[in-house]
PDB file of N, CA and C in Angstrom:
ATOM      1  N   MET A   1     -12.949 -15.630 -10.425  1.00  0.00           N
ATOM      2  CA  MET A   1     -11.533 -15.570 -10.142  1.00  0.00           C
ATOM      3  C   MET A   1     -11.047 -14.132 -10.353  1.00  0.00           C
ATOM      4  N   ALA A   2     -10.212 -13.687  -9.465  1.00  0.00           N
ATOM      5  CA  ALA A   2      -9.693 -12.319  -9.532  1.00  0.00           C
ATOM      6  C   ALA A   2      -8.692 -12.185 -10.677  1.00  0.00           C
ATOM      7  N   ASN A   3      -8.601 -11.006 -11.213  1.00  0.00           N
ATOM      8  CA  ASN A   3      -7.647 -10.682 -12.259  1.00  0.00           C
ATOM      9  C   ASN A   3      -6.318 -10.349 -11.591  1.00  0.00           C
ATOM     10  N   ARG A   4      -5.253 -11.065 -11.947  1.00  0.00           N
ATOM     11  CA  ARG A   4      -3.925 -10.815 -11.380  1.00  0.00           C
ATOM     12  C   ARG A   4      -3.068 -10.087 -12.397  1.00  0.00           C
ATOM     13  N   ILE A   5      -2.482  -8.975 -11.951  1.00  0.00           N
ATOM     14  CA  ILE A   5      -1.654  -8.144 -12.819  1.00  0.00           C
ATOM     15  C   ILE A   5      -0.222  -8.167 -12.300  1.00  0.00           C
ATOM     16  N   ASN A   6       0.731  -8.460 -13.186  1.00  0.00           N
ATOM     17  CA  ASN A   6       2.138  -8.427 -12.811  1.00  0.00           C
ATOM     18  C   ASN A   6       2.551  -6.963 -12.677  1.00  0.00           C
ATOM     19  N   ILE A   7       3.088  -6.610 -11.503  1.00  0.00           N
ATOM     20  CA  ILE A   7       3.482  -5.217 -11.254  1.00  0.00           C
ATOM     21  C   ILE A   7       4.984  -5.080 -11.006  1.00  0.00           C
ATOM     22  N   GLY A   8       5.755  -6.084 -11.414  1.00  0.00           N
ATOM     23  CA  GLY A   8       7.207  -6.007 -11.262  1.00  0.00           C
ATOM     24  C   GLY A   8       7.717  -6.986 -10.234  1.00  0.00           C
ATOM     25  N   THR A   9       8.849  -6.640  -9.639  1.00  0.00           N
ATOM     26  CA  THR A   9       9.454  -7.511  -8.629  1.00  0.00           C
ATOM     27  C   THR A   9       9.554  -6.774  -7.298  1.00  0.00           C
ATOM     28  N   ILE A  10       9.767  -7.550  -6.262  1.00  0.00           N
ATOM     29  CA  ILE A  10       9.900  -6.958  -4.928  1.00  0.00           C
ATOM     30  C   ILE A  10      11.073  -5.986  -4.892  1.00  0.00           C
ATOM     31  N   ASN A  11      12.121  -6.251  -5.675  1.00  0.00           N
ATOM     32  CA  ASN A  11      13.289  -5.373  -5.686  1.00  0.00           C
ATOM     33  C   ASN A  11      13.040  -4.056  -6.398  1.00  0.00           C
ATOM     34  N   ASP A  12      11.903  -3.933  -7.096  1.00  0.00           N
ATOM     35  CA  ASP A  12      11.544  -2.657  -7.723  1.00  0.00           C
ATOM     36  C   ASP A  12      11.064  -1.637  -6.691  1.00  0.00           C
ATOM     37  N   ILE A  13      10.751  -2.113  -5.494  1.00  0.00           N
ATOM     38  CA  ILE A  13      10.269  -1.240  -4.423  1.00  0.00           C
ATOM     39  C   ILE A  13      11.321  -1.218  -3.316  1.00  0.00           C
ATOM     40  N   PRO A  14      11.863  -0.061  -2.979  1.00  0.00           N
ATOM     41  CA  PRO A  14      12.860  -0.028  -1.908  1.00  0.00           C
ATOM     42  C   PRO A  14      12.222  -0.376  -0.564  1.00  0.00           C
ATOM     43  N   LYS A  15      13.015  -0.961   0.327  1.00  0.00           N
ATOM     44  CA  LYS A  15      12.512  -1.218   1.682  1.00  0.00           C
ATOM     45  C   LYS A  15      12.046   0.099   2.276  1.00  0.00           C
ATOM     46  N   LEU A  16      10.907   0.058   2.958  1.00  0.00           N
ATOM     47  CA  LEU A  16      10.260   1.220   3.564  1.00  0.00           C
ATOM     48  C   LEU A  16       9.800   2.231   2.511  1.00  0.00           C
ATOM     49  N   GLY A  17       9.602   1.746   1.292  1.00  0.00           N
ATOM     50  CA  GLY A  17       9.171   2.621   0.212  1.00  0.00           C
ATOM     51  C   GLY A  17       7.890   2.139  -0.434  1.00  0.00           C
ATOM     52  N   ALA A  18       7.503   2.836  -1.489  1.00  0.00           N
ATOM     53  CA  ALA A  18       6.266   2.517  -2.199  1.00  0.00           C
ATOM     54  C   ALA A  18       6.423   2.829  -3.669  1.00  0.00           C
ATOM     55  N   ARG A  19       5.542   2.263  -4.450  1.00  0.00           N
ATOM     56  CA  ARG A  19       5.382   2.652  -5.842  1.00  0.00           C
ATOM     57  C   ARG A  19       3.899   2.733  -6.114  1.00  0.00           C
ATOM     58  N   VAL A  20       3.525   3.480  -7.135  1.00  0.00           N
ATOM     59  CA  VAL A  20       2.115   3.673  -7.460  1.00  0.00           C
ATOM     60  C   VAL A  20       1.791   2.914  -8.741  1.00  0.00           C
ATOM     61  N   VAL A  21       0.695   2.165  -8.679  1.00  0.00           N
ATOM     62  CA  VAL A  21       0.183   1.449  -9.836  1.00  0.00           C
ATOM     63  C   VAL A  21      -1.134   2.114 -10.216  1.00  0.00           C
ATOM     64  N   GLN A  22      -1.232   2.538 -11.462  1.00  0.00           N
ATOM     65  CA  GLN A  22      -2.475   3.150 -11.924  1.00  0.00           C
ATOM     66  C   GLN A  22      -3.424   2.042 -12.371  1.00  0.00           C
ATOM     67  N   SER A  23      -4.697   2.205 -12.008  1.00  0.00           N
ATOM     68  CA  SER A  23      -5.705   1.213 -12.376  1.00  0.00           C
ATOM     69  C   SER A  23      -7.022   1.911 -12.657  1.00  0.00           C
ATOM     70  N   THR A  24      -7.962   1.165 -13.171  1.00  0.00           N
ATOM     71  CA  THR A  24      -9.295   1.725 -13.415  1.00  0.00           C
ATOM     72  C   THR A  24      -9.996   2.032 -12.098  1.00  0.00           C
ATOM     73  N   GLN A  25      -9.503   1.481 -10.991  1.00  0.00           N
ATOM     74  CA  GLN A  25     -10.072   1.732  -9.673  1.00  0.00           C
ATOM     75  C   GLN A  25      -9.355   2.879  -8.960  1.00  0.00           C
ATOM     76  N   GLY A  26      -8.488   3.582  -9.668  1.00  0.00           N
ATOM     77  CA  GLY A  26      -7.717   4.666  -9.076  1.00  0.00           C
ATOM     78  C   GLY A  26      -6.294   4.225  -8.803  1.00  0.00           C
ATOM     79  N   ASP A  27      -5.484   5.154  -8.309  1.00  0.00           N
ATOM     80  CA  ASP A  27      -4.094   4.834  -8.002  1.00  0.00           C
ATOM     81  C   ASP A  27      -4.023   3.918  -6.791  1.00  0.00           C
ATOM     82  N   ILE A  28      -3.113   2.940  -6.879  1.00  0.00           N
ATOM     83  CA  ILE A  28      -2.898   1.971  -5.799  1.00  0.00           C
ATOM     84  C   ILE A  28      -1.452   2.104  -5.354  1.00  0.00           C
ATOM     85  N   ALA A  29      -1.251   2.280  -4.052  1.00  0.00           N
ATOM     86  CA  ALA A  29       0.088   2.370  -3.478  1.00  0.00           C
ATOM     87  C   ALA A  29       0.510   0.974  -3.034  1.00  0.00           C
ATOM     88  N   VAL A  30       1.667   0.535  -3.527  1.00  0.00           N
ATOM     89  CA  VAL A  30       2.212  -0.778  -3.166  1.00  0.00           C
ATOM     90  C   VAL A  30       3.442  -0.527  -2.311  1.00  0.00           C
ATOM     91  N   PHE A  31       3.417  -1.023  -1.084  1.00  0.00           N
ATOM     92  CA  PHE A  31       4.462  -0.770  -0.090  1.00  0.00           C
ATOM     93  C   PHE A  31       5.297  -2.011   0.184  1.00  0.00           C
ATOM     94  N   ARG A  32       6.564  -1.795   0.481  1.00  0.00           N
ATOM     95  CA  ARG A  32       7.464  -2.853   0.958  1.00  0.00           C
ATOM     96  C   ARG A  32       7.979  -2.425   2.320  1.00  0.00           C
ATOM     97  N   THR A  33       7.781  -3.275   3.314  1.00  0.00           N
ATOM     98  CA  THR A  33       8.199  -2.946   4.673  1.00  0.00           C
ATOM     99  C   THR A  33       9.632  -3.420   4.928  1.00  0.00           C
ATOM    100  N   ALA A  34      10.158  -3.084   6.078  1.00  0.00           N
ATOM    101  CA  ALA A  34      11.524  -3.474   6.432  1.00  0.00           C
ATOM    102  C   ALA A  34      11.686  -4.984   6.483  1.00  0.00           C
ATOM    103  N   ASP A  35      10.605  -5.708   6.802  1.00  0.00           N
ATOM    104  CA  ASP A  35      10.672  -7.173   6.867  1.00  0.00           C
ATOM    105  C   ASP A  35      10.245  -7.830   5.548  1.00  0.00           C
ATOM    106  N   ASP A  36      10.242  -7.052   4.464  1.00  0.00           N
ATOM    107  CA  ASP A  36       9.921  -7.505   3.101  1.00  0.00           C
ATOM    108  C   ASP A  36       8.478  -7.949   2.906  1.00  0.00           C
ATOM    109  N   ALA A  37       7.581  -7.536   3.783  1.00  0.00           N
ATOM    110  CA  ALA A  37       6.153  -7.758   3.531  1.00  0.00           C
ATOM    111  C   ALA A  37       5.723  -6.737   2.482  1.00  0.00           C
ATOM    112  N   VAL A  38       4.774  -7.119   1.637  1.00  0.00           N
ATOM    113  CA  VAL A  38       4.293  -6.231   0.577  1.00  0.00           C
ATOM    114  C   VAL A  38       2.789  -6.062   0.751  1.00  0.00           C
ATOM    115  N   PHE A  39       2.343  -4.815   0.748  1.00  0.00           N
ATOM    116  CA  PHE A  39       0.930  -4.478   0.928  1.00  0.00           C
ATOM    117  C   PHE A  39       0.506  -3.494  -0.150  1.00  0.00           C
ATOM    118  N   ALA A  40      -0.785  -3.522  -0.479  1.00  0.00           N
ATOM    119  CA  ALA A  40      -1.325  -2.574  -1.459  1.00  0.00           C
ATOM    120  C   ALA A  40      -2.620  -1.991  -0.927  1.00  0.00           C
ATOM    121  N   VAL A  41      -2.696  -0.665  -0.954  1.00  0.00           N
ATOM    122  CA  VAL A  41      -3.905   0.055  -0.536  1.00  0.00           C
ATOM    123  C   VAL A  41      -4.164   1.176  -1.536  1.00  0.00           C
ATOM    124  N   SER A  42      -5.381   1.679  -1.534  1.00  0.00           N
ATOM    125  CA  SER A  42      -5.681   2.842  -2.362  1.00  0.00           C
ATOM    126  C   SER A  42      -4.752   3.973  -1.944  1.00  0.00           C
ATOM    127  N   ASP A  43      -4.237   4.701  -2.912  1.00  0.00           N
ATOM    128  CA  ASP A  43      -3.281   5.772  -2.622  1.00  0.00           C
ATOM    129  C   ASP A  43      -4.015   7.034  -2.189  1.00  0.00           C
ATOM    130  N   SER A  44      -4.851   6.879  -1.162  1.00  0.00           N
ATOM    131  CA  SER A  44      -5.695   7.982  -0.724  1.00  0.00           C
ATOM    132  C   SER A  44      -6.005   7.825   0.761  1.00  0.00           C
ATOM    133  N   CYS A  45      -5.512   8.746   1.555  1.00  0.00           N
ATOM    134  CA  CYS A  45      -5.779   8.712   2.997  1.00  0.00           C
ATOM    135  C   CYS A  45      -7.280   8.894   3.243  1.00  0.00           C
ATOM    136  N   PRO A  46      -7.842   8.187   4.222  1.00  0.00           N
ATOM    137  CA  PRO A  46      -9.275   8.341   4.506  1.00  0.00           C
ATOM    138  C   PRO A  46      -9.641   9.716   5.068  1.00  0.00           C
ATOM    139  N   HIS A  47      -8.662  10.504   5.460  1.00  0.00           N
ATOM    140  CA  HIS A  47      -8.935  11.805   6.065  1.00  0.00           C
ATOM    141  C   HIS A  47      -9.190  12.875   5.007  1.00  0.00           C
ATOM    142  N   LYS A  48      -8.150  13.276   4.296  1.00  0.00           N
ATOM    143  CA  LYS A  48      -8.252  14.349   3.298  1.00  0.00           C
ATOM    144  C   LYS A  48      -7.713  13.906   1.943  1.00  0.00           C
ATOM    145  N   LYS A  49      -7.663  12.608   1.741  1.00  0.00           N
ATOM    146  CA  LYS A  49      -7.252  12.019   0.454  1.00  0.00           C
ATOM    147  C   LYS A  49      -5.792  12.269   0.100  1.00  0.00           C
ATOM    148  N   GLY A  50      -4.947  12.440   1.108  1.00  0.00           N
ATOM    149  CA  GLY A  50      -3.518  12.629   0.871  1.00  0.00           C
ATOM    150  C   GLY A  50      -2.896  11.396   0.239  1.00  0.00           C
ATOM    151  N   PRO A  51      -1.787  11.563  -0.496  1.00  0.00           N
ATOM    152  CA  PRO A  51      -1.137  10.449  -1.184  1.00  0.00           C
ATOM    153  C   PRO A  51      -0.335   9.577  -0.210  1.00  0.00           C
ATOM    154  N   LEU A  52      -0.900   8.462   0.181  1.00  0.00           N
ATOM    155  CA  LEU A  52      -0.229   7.582   1.135  1.00  0.00           C
ATOM    156  C   LEU A  52       1.118   7.087   0.618  1.00  0.00           C
ATOM    157  N   SER A  53       1.254   6.973  -0.705  1.00  0.00           N
ATOM    158  CA  SER A  53       2.514   6.497  -1.289  1.00  0.00           C
ATOM    159  C   SER A  53       3.683   7.418  -0.947  1.00  0.00           C
ATOM    160  N   GLN A  54       3.405   8.642  -0.549  1.00  0.00           N
ATOM    161  CA  GLN A  54       4.453   9.591  -0.187  1.00  0.00           C
ATOM    162  C   GLN A  54       4.683   9.649   1.321  1.00  0.00           C
ATOM    163  N   GLY A  55       4.004   8.781   2.061  1.00  0.00           N
ATOM    164  CA  GLY A  55       4.120   8.772   3.515  1.00  0.00           C
ATOM    165  C   GLY A  55       5.313   7.978   4.002  1.00  0.00           C
ATOM    166  N   ILE A  56       5.525   8.027   5.304  1.00  0.00           N
ATOM    167  CA  ILE A  56       6.617   7.306   5.952  1.00  0.00           C
ATOM    168  C   ILE A  56       6.099   5.954   6.425  1.00  0.00           C
ATOM    169  N   VAL A  57       6.823   4.895   6.048  1.00  0.00           N
ATOM    170  CA  VAL A  57       6.463   3.526   6.414  1.00  0.00           C
ATOM    171  C   VAL A  57       7.282   3.106   7.622  1.00  0.00           C
ATOM    172  N   TYR A  58       6.603   2.533   8.620  1.00  0.00           N
ATOM    173  CA  TYR A  58       7.303   1.917   9.744  1.00  0.00           C
ATOM    174  C   TYR A  58       6.432   0.781  10.246  1.00  0.00           C
ATOM    175  N   GLY A  59       7.081  -0.335  10.537  1.00  0.00           N
ATOM    176  CA  GLY A  59       6.293  -1.531  10.869  1.00  0.00           C
ATOM    177  C   GLY A  59       5.397  -1.848   9.690  1.00  0.00           C
ATOM    178  N   HIS A  60       4.134  -2.114   9.979  1.00  0.00           N
ATOM    179  CA  HIS A  60       3.152  -2.369   8.925  1.00  0.00           C
ATOM    180  C   HIS A  60       2.147  -1.225   8.854  1.00  0.00           C
ATOM    181  N   THR A  61       2.643   0.004   9.048  1.00  0.00           N
ATOM    182  CA  THR A  61       1.798   1.194   8.955  1.00  0.00           C
ATOM    183  C   THR A  61       2.465   2.237   8.059  1.00  0.00           C
ATOM    184  N   VAL A  62       1.650   3.177   7.590  1.00  0.00           N
ATOM    185  CA  VAL A  62       2.160   4.323   6.841  1.00  0.00           C
ATOM    186  C   VAL A  62       1.520   5.568   7.438  1.00  0.00           C
ATOM    187  N   THR A  63       2.292   6.642   7.503  1.00  0.00           N
ATOM    188  CA  THR A  63       1.790   7.922   7.998  1.00  0.00           C
ATOM    189  C   THR A  63       1.526   8.829   6.811  1.00  0.00           C
ATOM    190  N   CYS A  64       0.319   9.348   6.727  1.00  0.00           N
ATOM    191  CA  CYS A  64      -0.043  10.250   5.633  1.00  0.00           C
ATOM    192  C   CYS A  64       0.819  11.505   5.708  1.00  0.00           C
ATOM    193  N   PRO A  65       1.352  11.961   4.571  1.00  0.00           N
ATOM    194  CA  PRO A  65       2.211  13.142   4.596  1.00  0.00           C
ATOM    195  C   PRO A  65       1.463  14.454   4.834  1.00  0.00           C
ATOM    196  N   LEU A  66       0.151  14.475   4.723  1.00  0.00           N
ATOM    197  CA  LEU A  66      -0.581  15.732   4.905  1.00  0.00           C
ATOM    198  C   LEU A  66      -0.868  16.071   6.359  1.00  0.00           C
ATOM    199  N   HIS A  67      -1.434  15.119   7.097  1.00  0.00           N
ATOM    200  CA  HIS A  67      -1.870  15.427   8.462  1.00  0.00           C
ATOM    201  C   HIS A  67      -1.486  14.357   9.485  1.00  0.00           C
ATOM    202  N   ASN A  68      -0.526  13.520   9.139  1.00  0.00           N
ATOM    203  CA  ASN A  68       0.036  12.522  10.061  1.00  0.00           C
ATOM    204  C   ASN A  68      -0.937  11.434  10.511  1.00  0.00           C
ATOM    205  N   TRP A  69      -1.998  11.205   9.749  1.00  0.00           N
ATOM    206  CA  TRP A  69      -2.849  10.060  10.075  1.00  0.00           C
ATOM    207  C   TRP A  69      -2.045   8.796   9.811  1.00  0.00           C
ATOM    208  N   ARG A  70      -2.209   7.797  10.686  1.00  0.00           N
ATOM    209  CA  ARG A  70      -1.531   6.518  10.523  1.00  0.00           C
ATOM    210  C   ARG A  70      -2.531   5.493  10.012  1.00  0.00           C
ATOM    211  N   VAL A  71      -2.125   4.729   8.989  1.00  0.00           N
ATOM    212  CA  VAL A  71      -2.988   3.724   8.377  1.00  0.00           C
ATOM    213  C   VAL A  71      -2.295   2.373   8.446  1.00  0.00           C
ATOM    214  N   ASN A  72      -3.020   1.368   8.938  1.00  0.00           N
ATOM    215  CA  ASN A  72      -2.524  -0.002   9.001  1.00  0.00           C
ATOM    216  C   ASN A  72      -2.520  -0.567   7.586  1.00  0.00           C
ATOM    217  N   LEU A  73      -1.371  -1.010   7.107  1.00  0.00           N
ATOM    218  CA  LEU A  73      -1.264  -1.532   5.749  1.00  0.00           C
ATOM    219  C   LEU A  73      -1.904  -2.906   5.598  1.00  0.00           C
ATOM    220  N   GLU A  74      -2.074  -3.615   6.700  1.00  0.00           N
ATOM    221  CA  GLU A  74      -2.652  -4.953   6.626  1.00  0.00           C
ATOM    222  C   GLU A  74      -4.143  -4.922   6.323  1.00  0.00           C
ATOM    223  N   ASP A  75      -4.851  -3.907   6.834  1.00  0.00           N
ATOM    224  CA  ASP A  75      -6.309  -3.877   6.629  1.00  0.00           C
ATOM    225  C   ASP A  75      -6.841  -2.531   6.127  1.00  0.00           C
ATOM    226  N   GLY A  76      -5.980  -1.530   5.983  1.00  0.00           N
ATOM    227  CA  GLY A  76      -6.399  -0.227   5.472  1.00  0.00           C
ATOM    228  C   GLY A  76      -7.081   0.668   6.494  1.00  0.00           C
ATOM    229  N   GLN A  77      -7.174   0.235   7.747  1.00  0.00           N
ATOM    230  CA  GLN A  77      -7.851   1.004   8.787  1.00  0.00           C
ATOM    231  C   GLN A  77      -6.942   2.080   9.367  1.00  0.00           C
ATOM    232  N   ALA A  78      -7.525   3.253   9.606  1.00  0.00           N
ATOM    233  CA  ALA A  78      -6.807   4.304  10.320  1.00  0.00           C
ATOM    234  C   ALA A  78      -6.632   3.868  11.770  1.00  0.00           C
ATOM    235  N   LEU A  79      -5.500   4.230  12.363  1.00  0.00           N
ATOM    236  CA  LEU A  79      -5.236   3.871  13.751  1.00  0.00           C
ATOM    237  C   LEU A  79      -5.811   4.930  14.678  1.00  0.00           C
ATOM    238  N   ALA A  80      -6.324   4.495  15.829  1.00  0.00           N
ATOM    239  CA  ALA A  80      -6.927   5.389  16.815  1.00  0.00           C
ATOM    240  C   ALA A  80      -5.923   6.451  17.231  1.00  0.00           C
ATOM    241  N   PRO A  81      -6.371   7.647  17.457  1.00  0.00           N
ATOM    242  CA  PRO A  81      -7.760   8.054  17.631  1.00  0.00           C
ATOM    243  C   PRO A  81      -8.474   8.360  16.318  1.00  0.00           C
ATOM    244  N   ASP A  82      -7.757   8.267  15.192  1.00  0.00           N
ATOM    245  CA  ASP A  82      -8.376   8.571  13.900  1.00  0.00           C
ATOM    246  C   ASP A  82      -9.290   7.430  13.482  1.00  0.00           C
ATOM    247  N   GLU A  83     -10.254   7.725  12.625  1.00  0.00           N
ATOM    248  CA  GLU A  83     -11.212   6.723  12.166  1.00  0.00           C
ATOM    249  C   GLU A  83     -11.368   6.797  10.666  1.00  0.00           C
ATOM    250  N   GLY A  84     -11.583   5.650  10.040  1.00  0.00           N
ATOM    251  CA  GLY A  84     -11.794   5.567   8.606  1.00  0.00           C
ATOM    252  C   GLY A  84     -10.937   4.469   8.027  1.00  0.00           C
ATOM    253  N   CYS A  85     -11.112   4.225   6.748  1.00  0.00           N
ATOM    254  CA  CYS A  85     -10.301   3.203   6.107  1.00  0.00           C
ATOM    255  C   CYS A  85     -10.130   3.534   4.631  1.00  0.00           C
ATOM    256  N   THR A  86      -9.135   2.915   4.048  1.00  0.00           N
ATOM    257  CA  THR A  86      -8.882   3.039   2.620  1.00  0.00           C
ATOM    258  C   THR A  86      -8.952   1.644   2.023  1.00  0.00           C
ATOM    259  N   GLY A  87      -9.180   1.554   0.729  1.00  0.00           N
ATOM    260  CA  GLY A  87      -9.297   0.246   0.080  1.00  0.00           C
ATOM    261  C   GLY A  87      -8.014  -0.547   0.171  1.00  0.00           C
ATOM    262  N   ARG A  88      -8.153  -1.856   0.260  1.00  0.00           N
ATOM    263  CA  ARG A  88      -7.010  -2.751   0.361  1.00  0.00           C
ATOM    264  C   ARG A  88      -7.051  -3.737  -0.790  1.00  0.00           C
ATOM    265  N   PHE A  89      -5.876  -4.113  -1.292  1.00  0.00           N
ATOM    266  CA  PHE A  89      -5.753  -5.062  -2.390  1.00  0.00           C
ATOM    267  C   PHE A  89      -4.767  -6.160  -1.988  1.00  0.00           C
ATOM    268  N   THR A  90      -4.980  -7.344  -2.513  1.00  0.00           N
ATOM    269  CA  THR A  90      -4.092  -8.465  -2.221  1.00  0.00           C
ATOM    270  C   THR A  90      -2.926  -8.456  -3.198  1.00  0.00           C
ATOM    271  N   VAL A  91      -1.720  -8.653  -2.654  1.00  0.00           N
ATOM    272  CA  VAL A  91      -0.517  -8.777  -3.471  1.00  0.00           C
ATOM    273  C   VAL A  91       0.065 -10.159  -3.225  1.00  0.00           C
ATOM    274  N   HIS A  92       0.396 -10.851  -4.306  1.00  0.00           N
ATOM    275  CA  HIS A  92       1.056 -12.157  -4.214  1.00  0.00           C
ATOM    276  C   HIS A  92       2.524 -11.967  -4.561  1.00  0.00           C
ATOM    277  N   VAL A  93       3.404 -12.489  -3.701  1.00  0.00           N
ATOM    278  CA  VAL A  93       4.838 -12.450  -3.951  1.00  0.00           C
ATOM    279  C   VAL A  93       5.264 -13.868  -4.315  1.00  0.00           C
ATOM    280  N   GLU A  94       5.704 -14.054  -5.550  1.00  0.00           N
ATOM    281  CA  GLU A  94       6.123 -15.371  -6.017  1.00  0.00           C
ATOM    282  C   GLU A  94       7.528 -15.684  -5.499  1.00  0.00           C
ATOM    283  N   ALA A  95       7.929 -16.944  -5.566  1.00  0.00           N
ATOM    284  CA  ALA A  95       9.226 -17.383  -5.066  1.00  0.00           C
ATOM    285  C   ALA A  95      10.382 -16.636  -5.746  1.00  0.00           C
ATOM    286  N   ASP A  96      10.189 -16.242  -7.006  1.00  0.00           N
ATOM    287  CA  ASP A  96      11.258 -15.528  -7.726  1.00  0.00           C
ATOM    288  C   ASP A  96      11.197 -14.016  -7.520  1.00  0.00           C
ATOM    289  N   GLY A  97      10.301 -13.561  -6.640  1.00  0.00           N
ATOM    290  CA  GLY A  97      10.197 -12.137  -6.318  1.00  0.00           C
ATOM    291  C   GLY A  97       9.205 -11.366  -7.171  1.00  0.00           C
ATOM    292  N   GLN A  98       8.561 -12.009  -8.151  1.00  0.00           N
ATOM    293  CA  GLN A  98       7.567 -11.333  -8.963  1.00  0.00           C
ATOM    294  C   GLN A  98       6.356 -10.964  -8.098  1.00  0.00           C
ATOM    295  N   LEU A  99       5.788  -9.780  -8.349  1.00  0.00           N
ATOM    296  CA  LEU A  99       4.630  -9.308  -7.613  1.00  0.00           C
ATOM    297  C   LEU A  99       3.409  -9.306  -8.520  1.00  0.00           C
ATOM    298  N   PHE A 100       2.302  -9.837  -8.011  1.00  0.00           N
ATOM    299  CA  PHE A 100       1.045  -9.848  -8.727  1.00  0.00           C
ATOM    300  C   PHE A 100      -0.027  -9.201  -7.861  1.00  0.00           C
ATOM    301  N   LEU A 101      -0.714  -8.231  -8.422  1.00  0.00           N
ATOM    302  CA  LEU A 101      -1.770  -7.493  -7.734  1.00  0.00           C
ATOM    303  C   LEU A 101      -3.105  -8.052  -8.159  1.00  0.00           C
ATOM    304  N   GLU A 102      -3.953  -8.412  -7.181  1.00  0.00           N
ATOM    305  CA  GLU A 102      -5.310  -8.871  -7.480  1.00  0.00           C
ATOM    306  C   GLU A 102      -6.218  -7.684  -7.628  1.00  0.00           C
ATOM    307  N   MET A 103      -6.971  -7.675  -8.714  1.00  0.00           N
ATOM    308  CA  MET A 103      -7.926  -6.595  -8.973  1.00  0.00           C
ATOM    309  C   MET A 103      -9.342  -7.122  -8.832  1.00  0.00           C
TER     310      MET A 103
END
């Protein structure tokens, strides 16, 4: 069974924003989209390791602030023509808005 860590509430993350959770697996960027979907990926672009948490979120993608690579938040894959992926983590959103990150 996966280890679930409480990382706050959905309201702790602004729409189209992110927060960083530090873990033994490295920093994890937790994003909230305009439609209130919540995604978690490694806070490291597959290109030059830029901080994805500082990127611009639109739809279910984030653009790396260093070189404009776009990463799909649903699966961590870079969007064409770029190639590569970053780690993805499961986030559970409870009915009361609590967020739990699976490690």
